[in-house]
């Protein structure tokens, strides 16, 4: 029986470190290595890398004519199929580079979108990727239709049959894509409504939510498997998890939590990609605790942690209590971090996982709330629950019902909030 293997595309990588760029936007040795890992994840092989130092990007070709020629020679010598740039290219720069190099040209954003398109499994994930792709494509349409625009620009000397259609087709495509974006945004708004309903049901069922966040390939899925005994695929590659996975975790004799694994973050993550994934990532805002997983064996773990912290702020989740989980500590040589909300462990071997569970239970216990309740006698059984699971400091039986003041956990709050006089449920974003 003859077997065939899928041909992997050969790629040459290029990056620019310009003095005029922000430090986070410049290409470095580590960002180029990360780009090569992204190419591998997308199904390609990196055969060469080129970096360029300039005062500022070249407006026409981004890296300058000399480097373009060098890239062209590398592509010819190594029989490359595409060129991938570590920086974001403008539509016109992408068009010029495609024409000059004679191969497909991708920037970092386009490559990440391609990986996401390959990996998204659920309908929600696919919607989010499609929305991000259309937002990426819209400003690049002009470049795609430039051959027709050039033909019609010469007025009466244009070849017969080419007068007009270029710009007309461009506008037609723009309208089509804008309609698709609007439709996708409406569908994702519906997804957010469903998520809001599910979230309220969890609160009603007294189930706190703990969200795993971190840089891509930090070990979040491995940690989820370690803590819950699950068998979620956890491979050593970037963006192995795209769709949110949730499992139950018992943290002590009386309490369970929902542990959610989220998509990994990465430097230079396209803004429209963050926007498209808000329906998934907004779970961070409503989680009771975040577990920020950090691969401490990575030499750049501090920079990676800062990138994740910045994205957490961008998602308005910085007020959520957070435990920093330093993973792969068995491969780290040096003094390990320590502190009140810090845990060092190895998700692969399980060493230190019990410490994390205890710290998580304590952190959830610290998030207690003081409530004043008015419980009708028909619900008097709730007092027994409060006696077992809360700290009661006032209990009064009156003709109209039972008045109670107590300190409750976040889990118990979801069950008693209906008895708080005047309590109004906070509105979701889609309800405002």
Protein backbone atom coordinates (compact mmCIF):
# COMPACT_ATOMS: atom_id res chain seq x y z
CA UNK A 1 0.00 0.00 0.00
CA UNK A 2 1.46 3.33 -1.06
CA UNK A 3 1.46 6.11 1.51
CA UNK A 4 1.76 9.78 0.74
CA UNK A 5 2.94 12.47 3.09
CA UNK A 6 1.72 16.02 2.85
CA UNK A 7 4.39 18.31 1.43
CA UNK A 8 5.51 20.94 3.92
CA UNK A 9 6.01 24.42 2.53
CA UNK A 10 9.49 25.95 2.69
CA UNK A 11 9.68 29.44 4.17
CA UNK A 12 12.25 32.19 4.48
CA UNK A 13 11.77 34.50 7.47
CA UNK A 14 12.50 38.21 7.61
CA UNK A 15 12.41 40.71 10.45
CA UNK A 16 13.15 44.39 11.00
CA UNK A 17 14.50 46.11 14.11
CA UNK A 18 14.08 49.81 13.37
CA UNK A 19 15.04 52.50 15.87
CA UNK A 20 11.74 54.29 15.21
CA UNK A 21 9.73 51.21 16.30
CA UNK A 22 8.50 50.53 19.82
CA UNK A 23 10.75 48.03 21.60
CA UNK A 24 8.00 45.38 21.60
CA UNK A 25 7.56 45.68 17.83
CA UNK A 26 11.22 45.21 16.86
CA UNK A 27 12.41 41.84 15.65
CA UNK A 28 14.93 40.07 17.88
CA UNK A 29 16.61 36.69 17.95
CA UNK A 30 13.92 35.34 20.28
CA UNK A 31 11.00 36.77 18.28
CA UNK A 32 12.45 35.25 15.08
CA UNK A 33 12.81 31.86 16.81
CA UNK A 34 9.20 32.19 17.92
CA UNK A 35 8.21 33.02 14.32
CA UNK A 36 9.99 29.85 13.16
CA UNK A 37 7.99 27.87 15.76
CA UNK A 38 4.80 29.45 14.40
CA UNK A 39 5.76 28.41 10.86
CA UNK A 40 6.33 24.86 12.12
CA UNK A 41 2.93 24.90 13.84
CA UNK A 42 1.31 26.08 10.58
CA UNK A 43 2.89 23.14 8.72
CA UNK A 44 5.98 24.73 7.17
CA UNK A 45 9.76 24.45 7.41
CA UNK A 46 12.03 27.43 7.96
CA UNK A 47 15.06 27.26 5.66
CA UNK A 48 16.59 30.71 6.22
CA UNK A 49 16.28 33.85 8.36
CA UNK A 50 17.14 37.45 7.50
CA UNK A 51 17.08 40.41 9.88
CA UNK A 52 17.57 44.06 9.01
CA UNK A 53 18.61 47.11 11.06
CA UNK A 54 17.34 50.46 9.82
CA UNK A 55 16.50 53.85 11.33
CA UNK A 56 12.90 53.37 10.14
CA UNK A 57 10.92 50.97 7.91
CA UNK A 58 11.13 51.56 4.18
CA UNK A 59 7.72 52.94 3.10
CA UNK A 60 7.73 50.90 -0.12
CA UNK A 61 9.33 47.53 0.68
CA UNK A 62 9.60 47.69 4.51
CA UNK A 63 13.15 46.26 4.62
CA UNK A 64 14.77 48.21 1.76
CA UNK A 65 15.76 47.21 -1.78
CA UNK A 66 19.08 45.63 -0.77
CA UNK A 67 17.51 43.19 1.69
CA UNK A 68 14.70 42.46 -0.76
CA UNK A 69 17.31 41.37 -3.30
CA UNK A 70 19.06 39.22 -0.65
CA UNK A 71 15.71 37.59 0.20
CA UNK A 72 15.01 36.97 -3.49
CA UNK A 73 18.32 35.13 -3.87
CA UNK A 74 17.69 33.04 -0.75
CA UNK A 75 14.25 32.09 -2.03
CA UNK A 76 15.68 31.00 -5.40
CA UNK A 77 18.56 29.05 -3.80
CA UNK A 78 16.32 27.19 -1.32
CA UNK A 79 13.28 26.68 -3.54
CA UNK A 80 11.02 28.51 -1.05
CA UNK A 81 7.24 28.73 -1.33
CA UNK A 82 6.66 31.77 0.87
CA UNK A 83 8.27 34.62 2.80
CA UNK A 84 7.09 35.35 6.34
CA UNK A 85 7.74 38.69 8.03
CA UNK A 86 8.01 39.04 11.81
CA UNK A 87 6.44 42.51 11.67
CA UNK A 88 3.07 43.70 10.45
CA UNK A 89 3.13 44.86 6.82
CA UNK A 90 0.89 47.46 5.22
CA UNK A 91 -1.25 46.29 2.27
CA UNK A 92 0.95 48.16 -0.23
CA UNK A 93 4.17 46.74 1.26
CA UNK A 94 2.75 43.23 1.04
CA UNK A 95 1.84 43.77 -2.61
CA UNK A 96 5.28 45.16 -3.51
CA UNK A 97 7.08 42.32 -1.70
CA UNK A 98 4.92 39.67 -3.40
CA UNK A 99 5.75 41.13 -6.82
CA UNK A 100 9.48 41.53 -6.08
CA UNK A 101 10.02 38.12 -4.43
CA UNK A 102 7.74 36.08 -6.68
CA UNK A 103 6.28 34.06 -3.78
CA UNK A 104 3.40 34.44 -1.32
CA UNK A 105 4.14 36.92 1.46
CA UNK A 106 2.69 36.67 4.97
CA UNK A 107 3.22 38.85 8.00
CA UNK A 108 3.08 37.63 11.59
CA UNK A 109 -0.63 38.49 11.94
CA UNK A 110 -1.55 36.57 8.78
CA UNK A 111 0.44 33.54 9.95
CA UNK A 112 -1.25 33.51 13.36
CA UNK A 113 -4.65 33.78 11.70
CA UNK A 114 -3.80 30.83 9.46
CA UNK A 115 -2.89 28.71 12.50
CA UNK A 116 -6.10 29.70 14.24
CA UNK A 117 -8.10 28.75 11.13
CA UNK A 118 -6.48 25.29 11.15
CA UNK A 119 -7.04 24.67 14.86
CA UNK A 120 -10.49 26.06 15.71
CA UNK A 121 -12.82 23.11 16.33
CA UNK A 122 -16.03 24.50 17.82
CA UNK A 123 -18.51 26.62 15.90
CA UNK A 124 -17.74 29.54 18.20
CA UNK A 125 -14.01 29.28 17.61
CA UNK A 126 -14.55 29.10 13.85
CA UNK A 127 -16.78 32.20 13.96
CA UNK A 128 -14.13 34.13 15.87
CA UNK A 129 -11.38 33.16 13.43
CA UNK A 130 -13.54 34.01 10.41
CA UNK A 131 -14.32 37.44 11.85
CA UNK A 132 -10.63 38.15 12.48
CA UNK A 133 -9.71 37.01 8.96
CA UNK A 134 -12.25 39.31 7.32
CA UNK A 135 -11.06 42.27 9.41
CA UNK A 136 -7.50 41.45 8.34
CA UNK A 137 -8.50 41.10 4.69
CA UNK A 138 -10.62 44.25 4.32
CA UNK A 139 -7.80 46.87 4.17
CA UNK A 140 -5.76 44.56 1.91
CA UNK A 141 -8.34 44.33 -0.87
CA UNK A 142 -6.93 47.35 -2.69
CA UNK A 143 -3.62 45.58 -3.17
CA UNK A 144 -5.34 42.44 -4.42
CA UNK A 145 -7.18 44.45 -7.09
CA UNK A 146 -4.23 46.71 -8.01
CA UNK A 147 -3.73 45.08 -11.44
CA UNK A 148 -7.20 46.18 -12.51
CA UNK A 149 -6.83 49.60 -10.92
CA UNK A 150 -3.64 50.19 -12.91
CA UNK A 151 -5.36 49.11 -16.13
CA UNK A 152 -8.24 51.54 -15.69
CA UNK A 153 -6.03 54.44 -14.56
CA UNK A 154 -4.87 55.22 -18.09
CA UNK A 155 -8.27 56.53 -19.18
CA UNK A 156 -9.19 56.04 -22.84
CA UNK A 157 -6.04 54.04 -23.60
CA UNK A 158 -7.16 51.19 -21.36
CA UNK A 159 -7.60 47.84 -23.14
CA UNK A 160 -11.12 47.03 -24.29
CA UNK A 161 -13.11 45.29 -21.58
CA UNK A 162 -11.02 46.60 -18.68
CA UNK A 163 -12.53 50.06 -18.24
CA UNK A 164 -14.31 50.30 -14.90
CA UNK A 165 -14.59 46.75 -13.54
CA UNK A 166 -11.53 47.02 -11.26
CA UNK A 167 -12.88 49.66 -8.92
CA UNK A 168 -16.44 48.32 -9.22
CA UNK A 169 -15.33 44.82 -8.21
CA UNK A 170 -13.23 46.25 -5.37
CA UNK A 171 -16.22 48.12 -3.95
CA UNK A 172 -18.43 45.06 -4.42
CA UNK A 173 -15.97 42.93 -2.46
CA UNK A 174 -15.68 45.55 0.27
CA UNK A 175 -19.45 45.66 0.70
CA UNK A 176 -19.61 41.87 0.78
CA UNK A 177 -16.93 41.65 3.46
CA UNK A 178 -18.52 44.40 5.55
CA UNK A 179 -21.81 42.49 5.43
CA UNK A 180 -20.01 39.30 6.48
CA UNK A 181 -18.31 41.12 9.38
CA UNK A 182 -21.64 42.51 10.56
CA UNK A 183 -23.28 39.07 10.38
CA UNK A 184 -20.41 37.41 12.26
CA UNK A 185 -20.47 40.08 14.96
CA UNK A 186 -24.21 39.47 15.40
CA UNK A 187 -23.63 35.72 15.70
CA UNK A 188 -20.87 36.25 18.26
CA UNK A 189 -23.13 38.60 20.23
CA UNK A 190 -25.60 35.71 20.41
CA UNK A 191 -22.78 33.48 21.67
CA UNK A 192 -22.03 36.01 24.40
CA UNK A 193 -25.67 35.91 25.47
CA UNK A 194 -25.51 32.12 25.77
CA UNK A 195 -22.27 32.40 27.76
CA UNK A 196 -23.89 34.96 30.06
CA UNK A 197 -26.80 32.58 30.69
CA UNK A 198 -24.41 29.69 31.36
CA UNK A 199 -22.40 31.89 33.72
CA UNK A 200 -25.47 32.82 35.72
CA UNK A 201 -26.48 29.18 35.92
CA UNK A 202 -23.05 28.35 37.33
CA UNK A 203 -23.42 31.09 39.93
CA UNK A 204 -26.84 29.75 40.84
CA UNK A 205 -25.34 26.29 41.21
CA UNK A 206 -22.61 27.71 43.45
CA UNK A 207 -19.73 26.79 41.13
CA UNK A 208 -16.77 29.21 41.19
CA UNK A 209 -14.78 29.59 37.96
CA UNK A 210 -10.99 29.48 37.78
CA UNK A 211 -9.41 30.49 34.44
CA UNK A 212 -5.99 29.34 33.26
CA UNK A 213 -4.19 32.09 31.35
CA UNK A 214 -0.65 32.44 30.09
CA UNK A 215 1.73 32.69 27.17
CA UNK A 216 1.28 30.11 24.43
CA UNK A 217 3.02 26.81 25.20
CA UNK A 218 3.44 27.68 28.91
CA UNK A 219 1.82 24.38 29.94
CA UNK A 220 -1.80 25.35 30.67
CA UNK A 221 -3.35 22.23 29.15
CA UNK A 222 -0.81 20.00 30.90
CA UNK A 223 -1.69 21.69 34.20
CA UNK A 224 -5.42 21.19 33.53
CA UNK A 225 -4.76 17.49 32.93
CA UNK A 226 -2.58 17.27 36.04
CA UNK A 227 -5.18 18.84 38.34
CA UNK A 228 -8.34 17.20 36.94
CA UNK A 229 -7.06 13.87 35.61
CA UNK A 230 -8.25 14.78 32.11
CA UNK A 231 -6.59 13.81 28.84
CA UNK A 232 -6.80 17.09 26.92
CA UNK A 233 -4.23 17.03 24.06
CA UNK A 234 -1.16 18.88 25.34
CA UNK A 235 1.63 19.05 22.77
CA UNK A 236 4.86 21.03 22.72
CA UNK A 237 3.76 23.50 20.05
CA UNK A 238 2.35 27.01 19.90
CA UNK A 239 -1.43 27.54 20.00
CA UNK A 240 -2.20 23.89 20.69
CA UNK A 241 -5.38 24.99 22.50
CA UNK A 242 -7.76 27.40 20.78
CA UNK A 243 -11.20 26.39 22.02
CA UNK A 244 -11.91 26.88 25.71
CA UNK A 245 -11.97 23.60 27.65
CA UNK A 246 -13.63 23.40 31.07
CA UNK A 247 -13.34 20.63 33.69
CA UNK A 248 -14.41 20.22 37.30
CA UNK A 249 -11.81 20.30 40.07
CA UNK A 250 -12.45 19.43 43.72
CA UNK A 251 -10.29 21.68 45.88
CA UNK A 252 -11.43 20.42 49.30
CA UNK A 253 -14.05 18.20 50.94
CA UNK A 254 -16.90 20.69 50.41
CA UNK A 255 -16.08 22.67 47.29
CA UNK A 256 -15.67 22.13 43.56
CA UNK A 257 -14.63 24.70 40.97
CA UNK A 258 -14.79 24.88 37.19
CA UNK A 259 -11.28 25.08 35.72
CA UNK A 260 -11.16 26.65 32.22
CA UNK A 261 -8.23 26.44 29.82
CA UNK A 262 -8.00 29.44 27.46
CA UNK A 263 -6.11 30.28 24.27
CA UNK A 264 -2.48 31.19 24.86
CA UNK A 265 -1.25 34.76 24.40
CA UNK A 266 1.72 35.79 22.30
CA UNK A 267 3.72 38.92 21.55
CA UNK A 268 2.47 41.11 18.69
CA UNK A 269 -0.96 39.47 18.86
CA UNK A 270 -3.12 41.21 16.23
CA UNK A 271 -5.57 43.67 17.82
CA UNK A 272 -8.49 42.43 15.74
CA UNK A 273 -7.71 38.88 16.91
CA UNK A 274 -8.06 39.93 20.56
CA UNK A 275 -11.32 41.68 19.64
CA UNK A 276 -12.63 38.61 17.82
CA UNK A 277 -11.78 36.33 20.75
CA UNK A 278 -13.40 38.50 23.40
CA UNK A 279 -16.41 36.18 23.48
CA UNK A 280 -14.06 33.48 24.81
CA UNK A 281 -11.57 35.62 26.69
CA UNK A 282 -14.23 37.67 28.47
CA UNK A 283 -14.56 34.65 30.79
CA UNK A 284 -11.44 36.09 32.42
CA UNK A 285 -13.44 39.10 33.62
CA UNK A 286 -16.02 36.90 35.31
CA UNK A 287 -13.68 34.29 36.78
CA UNK A 288 -13.31 34.15 40.55
CA UNK A 289 -9.55 33.52 40.28
CA UNK A 290 -7.00 33.59 37.44
CA UNK A 291 -4.10 31.15 37.35
CA UNK A 292 -1.36 32.90 35.34
CA UNK A 293 0.81 30.01 34.12
CA UNK A 294 4.42 31.03 33.40
CA UNK A 295 7.05 28.80 31.76
CA UNK A 296 9.97 29.66 34.04
CA UNK A 297 12.32 27.45 32.00
CA UNK A 298 12.02 29.94 29.12
CA UNK A 299 14.84 32.53 29.26
CA UNK A 300 12.31 35.25 28.35
CA UNK A 301 9.65 34.29 30.91
CA UNK A 302 9.64 37.77 32.46
CA UNK A 303 8.84 39.45 29.13
CA UNK A 304 6.20 36.81 28.37
CA UNK A 305 4.57 37.41 31.76
CA UNK A 306 4.46 41.17 31.06
CA UNK A 307 2.76 40.53 27.70
CA UNK A 308 0.08 38.39 29.38
CA UNK A 309 -0.42 40.99 32.14
CA UNK A 310 -0.90 43.70 29.48
CA UNK A 311 -3.52 41.61 27.64
CA UNK A 312 -5.33 40.90 30.93
CA UNK A 313 -5.55 44.67 31.45
CA UNK A 314 -6.75 45.09 27.86
CA UNK A 315 -9.55 42.62 28.63
CA UNK A 316 -10.41 44.57 31.80
CA UNK A 317 -9.70 41.56 34.02
CA UNK A 318 -6.93 43.11 36.13
CA UNK A 319 -9.21 43.30 39.20
CA UNK A 320 -9.70 39.52 39.24
CA UNK A 321 -7.59 37.81 41.96
CA UNK A 322 -4.58 36.13 40.35
CA UNK A 323 -2.15 33.38 41.40
CA UNK A 324 1.11 33.25 39.45
CA UNK A 325 1.94 29.61 38.68
CA UNK A 326 5.58 29.09 37.70
CA UNK A 327 5.57 25.89 35.65
CA UNK A 328 8.48 23.64 34.57
CA UNK A 329 10.38 24.57 37.75
CA UNK A 330 12.18 21.19 37.55
CA UNK A 331 14.03 22.59 34.51
CA UNK A 332 14.94 25.91 36.15
CA UNK A 333 18.35 26.57 37.67
CA UNK A 334 18.36 29.42 40.16
CA UNK A 335 16.30 30.88 43.00
CA UNK A 336 12.61 30.20 42.42
CA UNK A 337 10.11 33.06 42.88
CA UNK A 338 8.16 33.10 46.12
CA UNK A 339 5.32 35.10 47.65
CA UNK A 340 1.75 34.94 48.92
CA UNK A 341 0.11 34.40 45.51
CA UNK A 342 2.98 32.43 43.94
CA UNK A 343 3.27 28.67 43.35
CA UNK A 344 6.18 26.82 41.74
CA UNK A 345 5.41 23.41 40.25
CA UNK A 346 5.92 20.94 37.43
CA UNK A 347 2.64 20.20 35.67
CA UNK A 348 4.24 17.28 33.85
CA UNK A 349 5.38 15.41 36.98
CA UNK A 350 2.70 16.77 39.32
CA UNK A 351 5.24 18.09 41.82
CA UNK A 352 3.78 21.09 43.67
CA UNK A 353 0.22 20.63 42.34
CA UNK A 354 -1.14 19.96 45.85
CA UNK A 355 0.32 23.29 47.01
CA UNK A 356 -1.53 25.06 44.20
CA UNK A 357 -4.84 23.42 45.12
CA UNK A 358 -4.44 24.48 48.77
CA UNK A 359 -3.53 28.03 47.77
CA UNK A 360 -6.50 28.15 45.41
CA UNK A 361 -8.86 27.02 48.18
CA UNK A 362 -7.43 29.67 50.51
CA UNK A 363 -7.72 32.37 47.82
CA UNK A 364 -11.36 31.56 47.20
CA UNK A 365 -11.93 31.61 50.95
CA UNK A 366 -10.43 35.12 51.14
CA UNK A 367 -13.01 36.36 48.66
CA UNK A 368 -15.81 36.17 51.21
CA UNK A 369 -18.59 38.74 51.20
CA UNK A 370 -20.70 40.13 54.04
CA UNK A 371 -24.42 39.94 53.24
CA UNK A 372 -27.68 40.92 54.91
CA UNK A 373 -30.44 38.45 54.05
CA UNK A 374 -34.18 38.29 54.50
CA UNK A 375 -35.18 34.64 54.15
CA UNK A 376 -38.87 33.63 53.96
CA UNK A 377 -39.91 30.73 56.19
CA UNK A 378 -40.63 28.68 53.10
CA UNK A 379 -36.84 28.73 52.46
CA UNK A 380 -35.85 28.17 56.10
CA UNK A 381 -33.71 25.19 55.07
CA UNK A 382 -31.18 27.72 53.77
CA UNK A 383 -30.33 28.58 57.39
CA UNK A 384 -28.91 25.06 57.84
CA UNK A 385 -26.71 25.62 54.79
CA UNK A 386 -25.52 28.95 56.21
CA UNK A 387 -24.73 27.29 59.53
CA UNK A 388 -22.56 24.72 57.75
CA UNK A 389 -20.86 26.87 55.12
CA UNK A 390 -20.93 30.51 56.34
CA UNK A 391 -20.02 32.58 59.34
CA UNK A 392 -23.29 33.87 60.88
CA UNK A 393 -23.05 36.79 63.29
CA UNK A 394 -26.74 37.77 63.46
CA UNK A 395 -29.87 35.61 63.17
CA UNK A 396 -33.32 36.99 63.96
CA UNK A 397 -36.74 35.35 63.54
CA UNK A 398 -39.54 37.86 62.83
CA UNK A 399 -43.15 37.69 61.69
CA UNK A 400 -42.11 38.49 58.09
CA UNK A 401 -39.24 36.00 57.84
CA UNK A 402 -35.69 35.32 59.03
CA UNK A 403 -33.18 38.20 59.10
CA UNK A 404 -29.61 37.02 58.81
CA UNK A 405 -26.22 38.69 58.53
CA UNK A 406 -23.35 36.45 57.52
CA UNK A 407 -20.02 36.20 55.73
CA UNK A 408 -20.33 33.90 52.69
CA UNK A 409 -17.96 32.43 50.11
CA UNK A 410 -18.32 33.33 46.40
CA UNK A 411 -19.87 29.91 45.82
CA UNK A 412 -22.51 30.42 48.52
CA UNK A 413 -23.18 34.00 47.41
CA UNK A 414 -24.62 32.66 44.14
CA UNK A 415 -27.23 30.74 46.13
CA UNK A 416 -28.23 33.44 48.64
CA UNK A 417 -28.13 36.63 46.55
CA UNK A 418 -31.84 36.27 45.71
CA UNK A 419 -32.57 36.97 49.39
CA UNK A 420 -30.58 40.22 49.59
CA UNK A 421 -33.15 43.05 49.76
CA UNK A 422 -32.82 45.36 46.76
CA UNK A 423 -30.09 43.27 45.07
CA UNK A 424 -29.85 43.88 41.30
CA UNK A 425 -27.89 41.52 39.09
CA UNK A 426 -25.08 43.38 37.25
CA UNK A 427 -25.79 43.62 33.52
CA UNK A 428 -23.68 41.87 30.91
CA UNK A 429 -22.02 44.00 28.22
CA UNK A 430 -24.54 42.82 25.62
CA UNK A 431 -27.47 43.94 27.81
CA UNK A 432 -26.43 47.61 28.09
